[in-house]
Structures are given as structure tokens and as C-alpha cells.
Amino acid sequence: MYAVISSGGKQYKVSEGEVLRVEKIPGEIGNPVTFDRVLLFSDGENISIGQPVLDNVAVRGHIVEQGKAKKILVFKYKRRKGYRRKQGHRQTFTAIKIESIGA
């Protein structure tokens, strides 16, 4: 059983028991989270595709971590011009453990 959900402008394929890292969602560790924007749902035999979303299916889970990802470097450079710009960025994320998928 799996589903495809939309969160933070991205799409994720999720199944029960999986830990998913999405864009930061406000909330404390242990708080329940429900994803209503389910684009596709499969129970193993049948596949339901939303147009654009399924109304009767939701994905439920709880927050297990709030944090920042590893630092990435943004380096701009133009050859022979003496132009260099170095900048770092750490994206915030929320880790969610998926508990159930269904109606």
C-alpha cells in the first residue's frame, strides 16, 4: 500500500512505517500531521488517481524531528573578472513518520 502526496510544492511517494523528510511544517515533535493532498493511492490491487486530488483519502503521521539539512555552498564565479561570491545555505526540514494511509 502506498500513496503519492503533495507537500511544499513537491511530490512524495509514501508507505506506512516510512520516515519522510519534507519542507518545514510548523509543529512540535510528537504532534500529529495529516496530508489531505493525496494525488494517487494504491492498496496493492487497485490504483486510484485524483483529478487533481482524491477527496476520500488522507495520509496520517506524526513529527519525529525538526532540523536543518547539511550546508550547501553557493559559489558564483566569472573567469578573468575578479568576481567571486561564496554563500552557504542550510534548508530546514521536518521528518515525519507515516502511520496510516486510507479513508
PDB file of N, CA and C in Angstrom:
ATOM      1  N   MET A   1       0.846  -1.174   0.000  1.00  0.00           N
ATOM      2  CA  MET A   1       0.000   0.000   0.000  1.00  0.00           C
ATOM      3  C   MET A   1       0.889   1.235   0.000  1.00  0.00           C
ATOM      4  N   TYR A   2       0.620   2.153  -0.911  1.00  0.00           N
ATOM      5  CA  TYR A   2       1.378   3.392  -0.977  1.00  0.00           C
ATOM      6  C   TYR A   2       0.490   4.505  -1.505  1.00  0.00           C
ATOM      7  N   ALA A   3       0.997   5.732  -1.378  1.00  0.00           N
ATOM      8  CA  ALA A   3       0.277   6.908  -1.871  1.00  0.00           C
ATOM      9  C   ALA A   3       1.302   7.931  -2.345  1.00  0.00           C
ATOM     10  N   VAL A   4       0.870   8.831  -3.206  1.00  0.00           N
ATOM     11  CA  VAL A   4       1.684   9.959  -3.642  1.00  0.00           C
ATOM     12  C   VAL A   4       1.017  11.217  -3.097  1.00  0.00           C
ATOM     13  N   ILE A   5       1.770  11.971  -2.289  1.00  0.00           N
ATOM     14  CA  ILE A   5       1.227  13.181  -1.673  1.00  0.00           C
ATOM     15  C   ILE A   5       1.978  14.398  -2.180  1.00  0.00           C
ATOM     16  N   SER A   6       1.369  15.567  -1.986  1.00  0.00           N
ATOM     17  CA  SER A   6       1.984  16.823  -2.354  1.00  0.00           C
ATOM     18  C   SER A   6       2.166  17.651  -1.082  1.00  0.00           C
ATOM     19  N   SER A   7       3.412  18.124  -0.865  1.00  0.00           N
ATOM     20  CA  SER A   7       3.693  18.948   0.303  1.00  0.00           C
ATOM     21  C   SER A   7       4.859  19.869  -0.019  1.00  0.00           C
ATOM     22  N   GLY A   8       4.705  21.144   0.220  1.00  0.00           N
ATOM     23  CA  GLY A   8       5.779  22.097  -0.007  1.00  0.00           C
ATOM     24  C   GLY A   8       6.155  22.253  -1.464  1.00  0.00           C
ATOM     25  N   GLY A   9       5.200  22.045  -2.378  1.00  0.00           N
ATOM     26  CA  GLY A   9       5.477  22.180  -3.795  1.00  0.00           C
ATOM     27  C   GLY A   9       6.169  20.978  -4.410  1.00  0.00           C
ATOM     28  N   LYS A  10       6.338  19.910  -3.640  1.00  0.00           N
ATOM     29  CA  LYS A  10       6.986  18.695  -4.134  1.00  0.00           C
ATOM     30  C   LYS A  10       6.043  17.506  -3.952  1.00  0.00           C
ATOM     31  N   GLN A  11       6.315  16.435  -4.675  1.00  0.00           N
ATOM     32  CA  GLN A  11       5.515  15.218  -4.575  1.00  0.00           C
ATOM     33  C   GLN A  11       6.365  14.104  -3.986  1.00  0.00           C
ATOM     34  N   TYR A  12       5.761  13.312  -3.078  1.00  0.00           N
ATOM     35  CA  TYR A  12       6.466  12.246  -2.388  1.00  0.00           C
ATOM     36  C   TYR A  12       5.658  10.955  -2.467  1.00  0.00           C
ATOM     37  N   LYS A  13       6.336   9.836  -2.718  1.00  0.00           N
ATOM     38  CA  LYS A  13       5.712   8.518  -2.646  1.00  0.00           C
ATOM     39  C   LYS A  13       5.946   8.001  -1.231  1.00  0.00           C
ATOM     40  N   VAL A  14       4.858   7.681  -0.509  1.00  0.00           N
ATOM     41  CA  VAL A  14       4.966   7.265   0.886  1.00  0.00           C
ATOM     42  C   VAL A  14       4.274   5.927   1.099  1.00  0.00           C
ATOM     43  N   SER A  15       4.761   5.190   2.091  1.00  0.00           N
ATOM     44  CA  SER A  15       4.116   3.956   2.526  1.00  0.00           C
ATOM     45  C   SER A  15       4.118   3.949   4.048  1.00  0.00           C
ATOM     46  N   GLU A  16       3.334   3.061   4.652  1.00  0.00           N
ATOM     47  CA  GLU A  16       3.205   3.029   6.104  1.00  0.00           C
ATOM     48  C   GLU A  16       4.519   2.618   6.751  1.00  0.00           C
ATOM     49  N   GLY A  17       4.854   3.273   7.874  1.00  0.00           N
ATOM     50  CA  GLY A  17       6.065   2.981   8.607  1.00  0.00           C
ATOM     51  C   GLY A  17       7.295   3.724   8.116  1.00  0.00           C
ATOM     52  N   GLU A  18       7.181   4.464   7.047  1.00  0.00           N
ATOM     53  CA  GLU A  18       8.305   5.178   6.445  1.00  0.00           C
ATOM     54  C   GLU A  18       8.520   6.519   7.146  1.00  0.00           C
ATOM     55  N   VAL A  19       9.794   6.957   7.228  1.00  0.00           N
ATOM     56  CA  VAL A  19      10.110   8.294   7.741  1.00  0.00           C
ATOM     57  C   VAL A  19      10.412   9.180   6.547  1.00  0.00           C
ATOM     58  N   LEU A  20       9.690  10.292   6.445  1.00  0.00           N
ATOM     59  CA  LEU A  20       9.731  11.176   5.288  1.00  0.00           C
ATOM     60  C   LEU A  20      10.250  12.542   5.705  1.00  0.00           C
ATOM     61  N   ARG A  21      11.190  13.111   4.934  1.00  0.00           N
ATOM     62  CA  ARG A  21      11.696  14.462   5.191  1.00  0.00           C
ATOM     63  C   ARG A  21      11.068  15.419   4.185  1.00  0.00           C
ATOM     64  N   VAL A  22      10.283  16.387   4.694  1.00  0.00           N
ATOM     65  CA  VAL A  22       9.606  17.361   3.843  1.00  0.00           C
ATOM     66  C   VAL A  22      10.063  18.761   4.244  1.00  0.00           C
ATOM     67  N   GLU A  23       9.646  19.753   3.451  1.00  0.00           N
ATOM     68  CA  GLU A  23       9.906  21.141   3.812  1.00  0.00           C
ATOM     69  C   GLU A  23       9.300  21.420   5.189  1.00  0.00           C
ATOM     70  N   LYS A  24       9.854  22.373   5.889  1.00  0.00           N
ATOM     71  CA  LYS A  24       9.455  22.633   7.274  1.00  0.00           C
ATOM     72  C   LYS A  24       7.957  22.868   7.422  1.00  0.00           C
ATOM     73  N   ILE A  25       7.376  22.147   8.367  1.00  0.00           N
ATOM     74  CA  ILE A  25       5.968  22.286   8.751  1.00  0.00           C
ATOM     75  C   ILE A  25       5.959  22.726  10.207  1.00  0.00           C
ATOM     76  N   PRO A  26       5.196  23.757  10.567  1.00  0.00           N
ATOM     77  CA  PRO A  26       5.178  24.182  11.966  1.00  0.00           C
ATOM     78  C   PRO A  26       4.583  23.110  12.860  1.00  0.00           C
ATOM     79  N   GLY A  27       5.169  22.932  14.035  1.00  0.00           N
ATOM     80  CA  GLY A  27       4.672  21.954  14.996  1.00  0.00           C
ATOM     81  C   GLY A  27       5.798  21.421  15.851  1.00  0.00           C
ATOM     82  N   GLU A  28       5.432  20.803  16.960  1.00  0.00           N
ATOM     83  CA  GLU A  28       6.399  20.234  17.895  1.00  0.00           C
ATOM     84  C   GLU A  28       6.579  18.745  17.617  1.00  0.00           C
ATOM     85  N   ILE A  29       7.656  18.178  18.142  1.00  0.00           N
ATOM     86  CA  ILE A  29       7.905  16.741  17.996  1.00  0.00           C
ATOM     87  C   ILE A  29       6.784  15.981  18.695  1.00  0.00           C
ATOM     88  N   GLY A  30       6.202  15.012  17.995  1.00  0.00           N
ATOM     89  CA  GLY A  30       5.101  14.216  18.527  1.00  0.00           C
ATOM     90  C   GLY A  30       3.733  14.683  18.071  1.00  0.00           C
ATOM     91  N   ASN A  31       3.625  15.883  17.502  1.00  0.00           N
ATOM     92  CA  ASN A  31       2.337  16.386  17.026  1.00  0.00           C
ATOM     93  C   ASN A  31       1.866  15.588  15.811  1.00  0.00           C
ATOM     94  N   PRO A  32       0.569  15.325  15.706  1.00  0.00           N
ATOM     95  CA  PRO A  32       0.063  14.619  14.519  1.00  0.00           C
ATOM     96  C   PRO A  32       0.020  15.531  13.294  1.00  0.00           C
ATOM     97  N   VAL A  33       0.207  14.924  12.121  1.00  0.00           N
ATOM     98  CA  VAL A  33       0.189  15.644  10.852  1.00  0.00           C
ATOM     99  C   VAL A  33      -0.704  14.864   9.899  1.00  0.00           C
ATOM    100  N   THR A  34      -1.545  15.581   9.136  1.00  0.00           N
ATOM    101  CA  THR A  34      -2.413  14.954   8.139  1.00  0.00           C
ATOM    102  C   THR A  34      -2.169  15.622   6.793  1.00  0.00           C
ATOM    103  N   PHE A  35      -1.925  14.795   5.778  1.00  0.00           N
ATOM    104  CA  PHE A  35      -1.763  15.285   4.417  1.00  0.00           C
ATOM    105  C   PHE A  35      -3.056  15.002   3.655  1.00  0.00           C
ATOM    106  N   ASP A  36      -3.764  16.063   3.248  1.00  0.00           N
ATOM    107  CA  ASP A  36      -5.030  15.923   2.531  1.00  0.00           C
ATOM    108  C   ASP A  36      -4.836  15.894   1.017  1.00  0.00           C
ATOM    109  N   ARG A  37      -3.729  16.440   0.526  1.00  0.00           N
ATOM    110  CA  ARG A  37      -3.480  16.495  -0.917  1.00  0.00           C
ATOM    111  C   ARG A  37      -2.857  15.183  -1.385  1.00  0.00           C
ATOM    112  N   VAL A  38      -3.694  14.152  -1.499  1.00  0.00           N
ATOM    113  CA  VAL A  38      -3.255  12.841  -1.977  1.00  0.00           C
ATOM    114  C   VAL A  38      -3.554  12.771  -3.468  1.00  0.00           C
ATOM    115  N   LEU A  39      -2.506  12.581  -4.273  1.00  0.00           N
ATOM    116  CA  LEU A  39      -2.646  12.581  -5.726  1.00  0.00           C
ATOM    117  C   LEU A  39      -2.914  11.182  -6.281  1.00  0.00           C
ATOM    118  N   LEU A  40      -2.399  10.148  -5.606  1.00  0.00           N
ATOM    119  CA  LEU A  40      -2.551   8.780  -6.075  1.00  0.00           C
ATOM    120  C   LEU A  40      -2.576   7.865  -4.863  1.00  0.00           C
ATOM    121  N   PHE A  41      -3.410   6.804  -4.922  1.00  0.00           N
ATOM    122  CA  PHE A  41      -3.498   5.842  -3.829  1.00  0.00           C
ATOM    123  C   PHE A  41      -3.572   4.444  -4.406  1.00  0.00           C
ATOM    124  N   SER A  42      -2.745   3.545  -3.869  1.00  0.00           N
ATOM    125  CA  SER A  42      -2.752   2.155  -4.300  1.00  0.00           C
ATOM    126  C   SER A  42      -2.858   1.267  -3.074  1.00  0.00           C
ATOM    127  N   ASP A  43      -3.815   0.328  -3.092  1.00  0.00           N
ATOM    128  CA  ASP A  43      -3.967  -0.613  -1.977  1.00  0.00           C
ATOM    129  C   ASP A  43      -3.354  -1.975  -2.284  1.00  0.00           C
ATOM    130  N   GLY A  44      -2.595  -2.079  -3.339  1.00  0.00           N
ATOM    131  CA  GLY A  44      -1.963  -3.340  -3.720  1.00  0.00           C
ATOM    132  C   GLY A  44      -2.605  -3.957  -4.938  1.00  0.00           C
ATOM    133  N   GLU A  45      -3.904  -3.754  -5.107  1.00  0.00           N
ATOM    134  CA  GLU A  45      -4.639  -4.294  -6.252  1.00  0.00           C
ATOM    135  C   GLU A  45      -5.158  -3.185  -7.157  1.00  0.00           C
ATOM    136  N   ASN A  46      -5.806  -2.206  -6.544  1.00  0.00           N
ATOM    137  CA  ASN A  46      -6.424  -1.118  -7.307  1.00  0.00           C
ATOM    138  C   ASN A  46      -5.629   0.169  -7.132  1.00  0.00           C
ATOM    139  N   ILE A  47      -5.590   0.970  -8.182  1.00  0.00           N
ATOM    140  CA  ILE A  47      -4.932   2.269  -8.127  1.00  0.00           C
ATOM    141  C   ILE A  47      -5.969   3.347  -8.398  1.00  0.00           C
ATOM    142  N   SER A  48      -6.037   4.322  -7.494  1.00  0.00           N
ATOM    143  CA  SER A  48      -6.942   5.464  -7.656  1.00  0.00           C
ATOM    144  C   SER A  48      -6.105   6.701  -7.937  1.00  0.00           C
ATOM    145  N   ILE A  49      -6.463   7.417  -8.988  1.00  0.00           N
ATOM    146  CA  ILE A  49      -5.746   8.628  -9.371  1.00  0.00           C
ATOM    147  C   ILE A  49      -6.689   9.807  -9.237  1.00  0.00           C
ATOM    148  N   GLY A  50      -6.236  10.845  -8.530  1.00  0.00           N
ATOM    149  CA  GLY A  50      -7.062  12.031  -8.327  1.00  0.00           C
ATOM    150  C   GLY A  50      -7.006  12.968  -9.507  1.00  0.00           C
ATOM    151  N   GLN A  51      -8.040  13.824  -9.594  1.00  0.00           N
ATOM    152  CA  GLN A  51      -8.101  14.773 -10.693  1.00  0.00           C
ATOM    153  C   GLN A  51      -8.422  16.162 -10.150  1.00  0.00           C
ATOM    154  N   PRO A  52      -7.549  16.886  -9.499  1.00  0.00           N
ATOM    155  CA  PRO A  52      -6.144  16.587  -9.230  1.00  0.00           C
ATOM    156  C   PRO A  52      -5.897  15.833  -7.928  1.00  0.00           C
ATOM    157  N   VAL A  53      -6.820  15.884  -6.946  1.00  0.00           N
ATOM    158  CA  VAL A  53      -6.590  15.192  -5.673  1.00  0.00           C
ATOM    159  C   VAL A  53      -7.747  14.250  -5.370  1.00  0.00           C
ATOM    160  N   LEU A  54      -7.474  13.275  -4.501  1.00  0.00           N
ATOM    161  CA  LEU A  54      -8.507  12.356  -4.025  1.00  0.00           C
ATOM    162  C   LEU A  54      -9.146  12.956  -2.777  1.00  0.00           C
ATOM    163  N   ASP A  55     -10.473  12.975  -2.743  1.00  0.00           N
ATOM    164  CA  ASP A  55     -11.179  13.609  -1.624  1.00  0.00           C
ATOM    165  C   ASP A  55     -11.293  12.709  -0.403  1.00  0.00           C
ATOM    166  N   ASN A  56     -11.403  11.395  -0.609  1.00  0.00           N
ATOM    167  CA  ASN A  56     -11.721  10.490   0.498  1.00  0.00           C
ATOM    168  C   ASN A  56     -10.500   9.793   1.080  1.00  0.00           C
ATOM    169  N   VAL A  57      -9.284  10.191   0.729  1.00  0.00           N
ATOM    170  CA  VAL A  57      -8.070   9.547   1.218  1.00  0.00           C
ATOM    171  C   VAL A  57      -7.195  10.580   1.918  1.00  0.00           C
ATOM    172  N   ALA A  58      -6.604  10.176   3.063  1.00  0.00           N
ATOM    173  CA  ALA A  58      -5.686  11.048   3.800  1.00  0.00           C
ATOM    174  C   ALA A  58      -4.512  10.214   4.301  1.00  0.00           C
ATOM    175  N   VAL A  59      -3.377  10.865   4.453  1.00  0.00           N
ATOM    176  CA  VAL A  59      -2.183  10.224   4.992  1.00  0.00           C
ATOM    177  C   VAL A  59      -1.909  10.853   6.349  1.00  0.00           C
ATOM    178  N   ARG A  60      -1.788   9.994   7.380  1.00  0.00           N
ATOM    179  CA  ARG A  60      -1.593  10.488   8.743  1.00  0.00           C
ATOM    180  C   ARG A  60      -0.235  10.043   9.270  1.00  0.00           C
ATOM    181  N   GLY A  61       0.364  10.905  10.090  1.00  0.00           N
ATOM    182  CA  GLY A  61       1.646  10.593  10.698  1.00  0.00           C
ATOM    183  C   GLY A  61       1.907  11.527  11.855  1.00  0.00           C
ATOM    184  N   HIS A  62       3.127  11.459  12.404  1.00  0.00           N
ATOM    185  CA  HIS A  62       3.496  12.384  13.470  1.00  0.00           C
ATOM    186  C   HIS A  62       4.935  12.848  13.264  1.00  0.00           C
ATOM    187  N   ILE A  63       5.239  14.013  13.801  1.00  0.00           N
ATOM    188  CA  ILE A  63       6.548  14.635  13.628  1.00  0.00           C
ATOM    189  C   ILE A  63       7.553  13.940  14.543  1.00  0.00           C
ATOM    190  N   VAL A  64       8.688  13.530  13.961  1.00  0.00           N
ATOM    191  CA  VAL A  64       9.741  12.904  14.762  1.00  0.00           C
ATOM    192  C   VAL A  64      10.986  13.785  14.878  1.00  0.00           C
ATOM    193  N   GLU A  65      11.134  14.776  13.996  1.00  0.00           N
ATOM    194  CA  GLU A  65      12.317  15.637  14.062  1.00  0.00           C
ATOM    195  C   GLU A  65      12.060  16.951  13.331  1.00  0.00           C
ATOM    196  N   GLN A  66      12.590  18.031  13.898  1.00  0.00           N
ATOM    197  CA  GLN A  66      12.640  19.336  13.237  1.00  0.00           C
ATOM    198  C   GLN A  66      14.117  19.703  13.162  1.00  0.00           C
ATOM    199  N   GLY A  67      14.632  20.002  11.982  1.00  0.00           N
ATOM    200  CA  GLY A  67      16.058  20.286  11.916  1.00  0.00           C
ATOM    201  C   GLY A  67      16.470  21.017  10.666  1.00  0.00           C
ATOM    202  N   LYS A  68      17.792  21.070  10.478  1.00  0.00           N
ATOM    203  CA  LYS A  68      18.386  21.694   9.300  1.00  0.00           C
ATOM    204  C   LYS A  68      19.225  20.653   8.583  1.00  0.00           C
ATOM    205  N   ALA A  69      19.203  20.696   7.252  1.00  0.00           N
ATOM    206  CA  ALA A  69      19.990  19.777   6.446  1.00  0.00           C
ATOM    207  C   ALA A  69      21.455  20.215   6.451  1.00  0.00           C
ATOM    208  N   LYS A  70      22.308  19.422   5.807  1.00  0.00           N
ATOM    209  CA  LYS A  70      23.712  19.785   5.701  1.00  0.00           C
ATOM    210  C   LYS A  70      23.865  21.069   4.885  1.00  0.00           C
ATOM    211  N   LYS A  71      24.956  21.780   5.144  1.00  0.00           N
ATOM    212  CA  LYS A  71      25.205  23.042   4.457  1.00  0.00           C
ATOM    213  C   LYS A  71      25.600  22.780   2.999  1.00  0.00           C
ATOM    214  N   ILE A  72      25.011  23.585   2.113  1.00  0.00           N
ATOM    215  CA  ILE A  72      25.448  23.575   0.714  1.00  0.00           C
ATOM    216  C   ILE A  72      26.111  24.917   0.430  1.00  0.00           C
ATOM    217  N   LEU A  73      27.078  24.925  -0.471  1.00  0.00           N
ATOM    218  CA  LEU A  73      27.758  26.156  -0.829  1.00  0.00           C
ATOM    219  C   LEU A  73      27.243  26.653  -2.171  1.00  0.00           C
ATOM    220  N   VAL A  74      26.922  27.938  -2.214  1.00  0.00           N
ATOM    221  CA  VAL A  74      26.513  28.598  -3.449  1.00  0.00           C
ATOM    222  C   VAL A  74      27.689  29.477  -3.846  1.00  0.00           C
ATOM    223  N   PHE A  75      28.365  29.150  -4.938  1.00  0.00           N
ATOM    224  CA  PHE A  75      29.573  29.853  -5.348  1.00  0.00           C
ATOM    225  C   PHE A  75      29.391  30.403  -6.745  1.00  0.00           C
ATOM    226  N   LYS A  76      29.414  31.725  -6.859  1.00  0.00           N
ATOM    227  CA  LYS A  76      29.296  32.388  -8.159  1.00  0.00           C
ATOM    228  C   LYS A  76      30.684  32.852  -8.579  1.00  0.00           C
ATOM    229  N   TYR A  77      30.995  32.708  -9.847  1.00  0.00           N
ATOM    230  CA  TYR A  77      32.339  32.985 -10.321  1.00  0.00           C
ATOM    231  C   TYR A  77      32.297  33.382 -11.786  1.00  0.00           C
ATOM    232  N   LYS A  78      33.035  34.430 -12.118  1.00  0.00           N
ATOM    233  CA  LYS A  78      33.197  34.809 -13.521  1.00  0.00           C
ATOM    234  C   LYS A  78      34.693  34.845 -13.810  1.00  0.00           C
ATOM    235  N   ARG A  79      35.109  34.110 -14.798  1.00  0.00           N
ATOM    236  CA  ARG A  79      36.541  33.999 -15.070  1.00  0.00           C
ATOM    237  C   ARG A  79      37.123  35.317 -15.577  1.00  0.00           C
ATOM    238  N   ARG A  80      38.347  35.574 -15.173  1.00  0.00           N
ATOM    239  CA  ARG A  80      39.145  36.730 -15.594  1.00  0.00           C
ATOM    240  C   ARG A  80      38.574  38.083 -15.157  1.00  0.00           C
ATOM    241  N   LYS A  81      37.575  38.122 -14.345  1.00  0.00           N
ATOM    242  CA  LYS A  81      36.960  39.400 -13.959  1.00  0.00           C
ATOM    243  C   LYS A  81      37.144  39.726 -12.473  1.00  0.00           C
ATOM    244  N   GLY A  82      37.687  38.810 -11.712  1.00  0.00           N
ATOM    245  CA  GLY A  82      37.859  39.059 -10.281  1.00  0.00           C
ATOM    246  C   GLY A  82      36.556  39.018  -9.519  1.00  0.00           C
ATOM    247  N   TYR A  83      35.554  38.332 -10.056  1.00  0.00           N
ATOM    248  CA  TYR A  83      34.226  38.269  -9.428  1.00  0.00           C
ATOM    249  C   TYR A  83      34.051  36.909  -8.780  1.00  0.00           C
ATOM    250  N   ARG A  84      33.929  36.886  -7.446  1.00  0.00           N
ATOM    251  CA  ARG A  84      33.677  35.654  -6.702  1.00  0.00           C
ATOM    252  C   ARG A  84      32.710  35.970  -5.565  1.00  0.00           C
ATOM    253  N   ARG A  85      31.713  35.141  -5.401  1.00  0.00           N
ATOM    254  CA  ARG A  85      30.765  35.288  -4.299  1.00  0.00           C
ATOM    255  C   ARG A  85      30.526  33.905  -3.711  1.00  0.00           C
ATOM    256  N   LYS A  86      30.722  33.782  -2.424  1.00  0.00           N
ATOM    257  CA  LYS A  86      30.531  32.498  -1.754  1.00  0.00           C
ATOM    258  C   LYS A  86      29.470  32.662  -0.675  1.00  0.00           C
ATOM    259  N   GLN A  87      28.504  31.793  -0.687  1.00  0.00           N
ATOM    260  CA  GLN A  87      27.408  31.883   0.262  1.00  0.00           C
ATOM    261  C   GLN A  87      27.013  30.470   0.667  1.00  0.00           C
ATOM    262  N   GLY A  88      26.656  30.275   1.930  1.00  0.00           N
ATOM    263  CA  GLY A  88      26.199  28.973   2.418  1.00  0.00           C
ATOM    264  C   GLY A  88      24.709  28.995   2.683  1.00  0.00           C
ATOM    265  N   HIS A  89      24.115  27.811   2.703  1.00  0.00           N
ATOM    266  CA  HIS A  89      22.668  27.699   2.952  1.00  0.00           C
ATOM    267  C   HIS A  89      22.377  26.373   3.631  1.00  0.00           C
ATOM    268  N   ARG A  90      21.536  26.407   4.660  1.00  0.00           N
ATOM    269  CA  ARG A  90      21.058  25.191   5.314  1.00  0.00           C
ATOM    270  C   ARG A  90      19.539  25.200   5.280  1.00  0.00           C
ATOM    271  N   GLN A  91      18.953  24.249   4.572  1.00  0.00           N
ATOM    272  CA  GLN A  91      17.500  24.174   4.413  1.00  0.00           C
ATOM    273  C   GLN A  91      16.876  23.511   5.641  1.00  0.00           C
ATOM    274  N   THR A  92      15.797  24.098   6.152  1.00  0.00           N
ATOM    275  CA  THR A  92      15.084  23.500   7.274  1.00  0.00           C
ATOM    276  C   THR A  92      14.171  22.392   6.769  1.00  0.00           C
ATOM    277  N   PHE A  93      13.960  21.371   7.614  1.00  0.00           N
ATOM    278  CA  PHE A  93      13.112  20.248   7.232  1.00  0.00           C
ATOM    279  C   PHE A  93      12.340  19.744   8.437  1.00  0.00           C
ATOM    280  N   THR A  94      11.325  18.929   8.150  1.00  0.00           N
ATOM    281  CA  THR A  94      10.555  18.225   9.166  1.00  0.00           C
ATOM    282  C   THR A  94      10.547  16.761   8.797  1.00  0.00           C
ATOM    283  N   ALA A  95      10.932  15.899   9.721  1.00  0.00           N
ATOM    284  CA  ALA A  95      10.888  14.444   9.496  1.00  0.00           C
ATOM    285  C   ALA A  95       9.573  13.929  10.077  1.00  0.00           C
ATOM    286  N   ILE A  96       8.829  13.171   9.268  1.00  0.00           N
ATOM    287  CA  ILE A  96       7.509  12.683   9.652  1.00  0.00           C
ATOM    288  C   ILE A  96       7.474  11.170   9.490  1.00  0.00           C
ATOM    289  N   LYS A  97       6.993  10.471  10.519  1.00  0.00           N
ATOM    290  CA  LYS A  97       6.797   9.024  10.432  1.00  0.00           C
ATOM    291  C   LYS A  97       5.359   8.777  10.003  1.00  0.00           C
ATOM    292  N   ILE A  98       5.182   8.074   8.893  1.00  0.00           N
ATOM    293  CA  ILE A  98       3.855   7.809   8.350  1.00  0.00           C
ATOM    294  C   ILE A  98       3.228   6.651   9.117  1.00  0.00           C
ATOM    295  N   GLU A  99       2.040   6.873   9.683  1.00  0.00           N
ATOM    296  CA  GLU A  99       1.358   5.855  10.473  1.00  0.00           C
ATOM    297  C   GLU A  99       0.298   5.120   9.680  1.00  0.00           C
ATOM    298  N   SER A 100      -0.524   5.859   8.923  1.00  0.00           N
ATOM    299  CA  SER A 100      -1.619   5.198   8.201  1.00  0.00           C
ATOM    300  C   SER A 100      -1.946   5.935   6.919  1.00  0.00           C
ATOM    301  N   ILE A 101      -2.417   5.144   5.944  1.00  0.00           N
ATOM    302  CA  ILE A 101      -2.873   5.679   4.669  1.00  0.00           C
ATOM    303  C   ILE A 101      -4.266   5.106   4.449  1.00  0.00           C
ATOM    304  N   GLY A 102      -5.224   5.965   4.220  1.00  0.00           N
ATOM    305  CA  GLY A 102      -6.571   5.445   3.974  1.00  0.00           C
ATOM    306  C   GLY A 102      -7.631   6.503   4.111  1.00  0.00           C
ATOM    307  N   ALA A 103      -8.874   6.039   4.112  1.00  0.00           N
ATOM    308  CA  ALA A 103     -10.026   6.933   4.143  1.00  0.00           C
ATOM    309  C   ALA A 103     -10.211   7.527   5.518  1.00  0.00           C
TER     310      ALA A 103
END
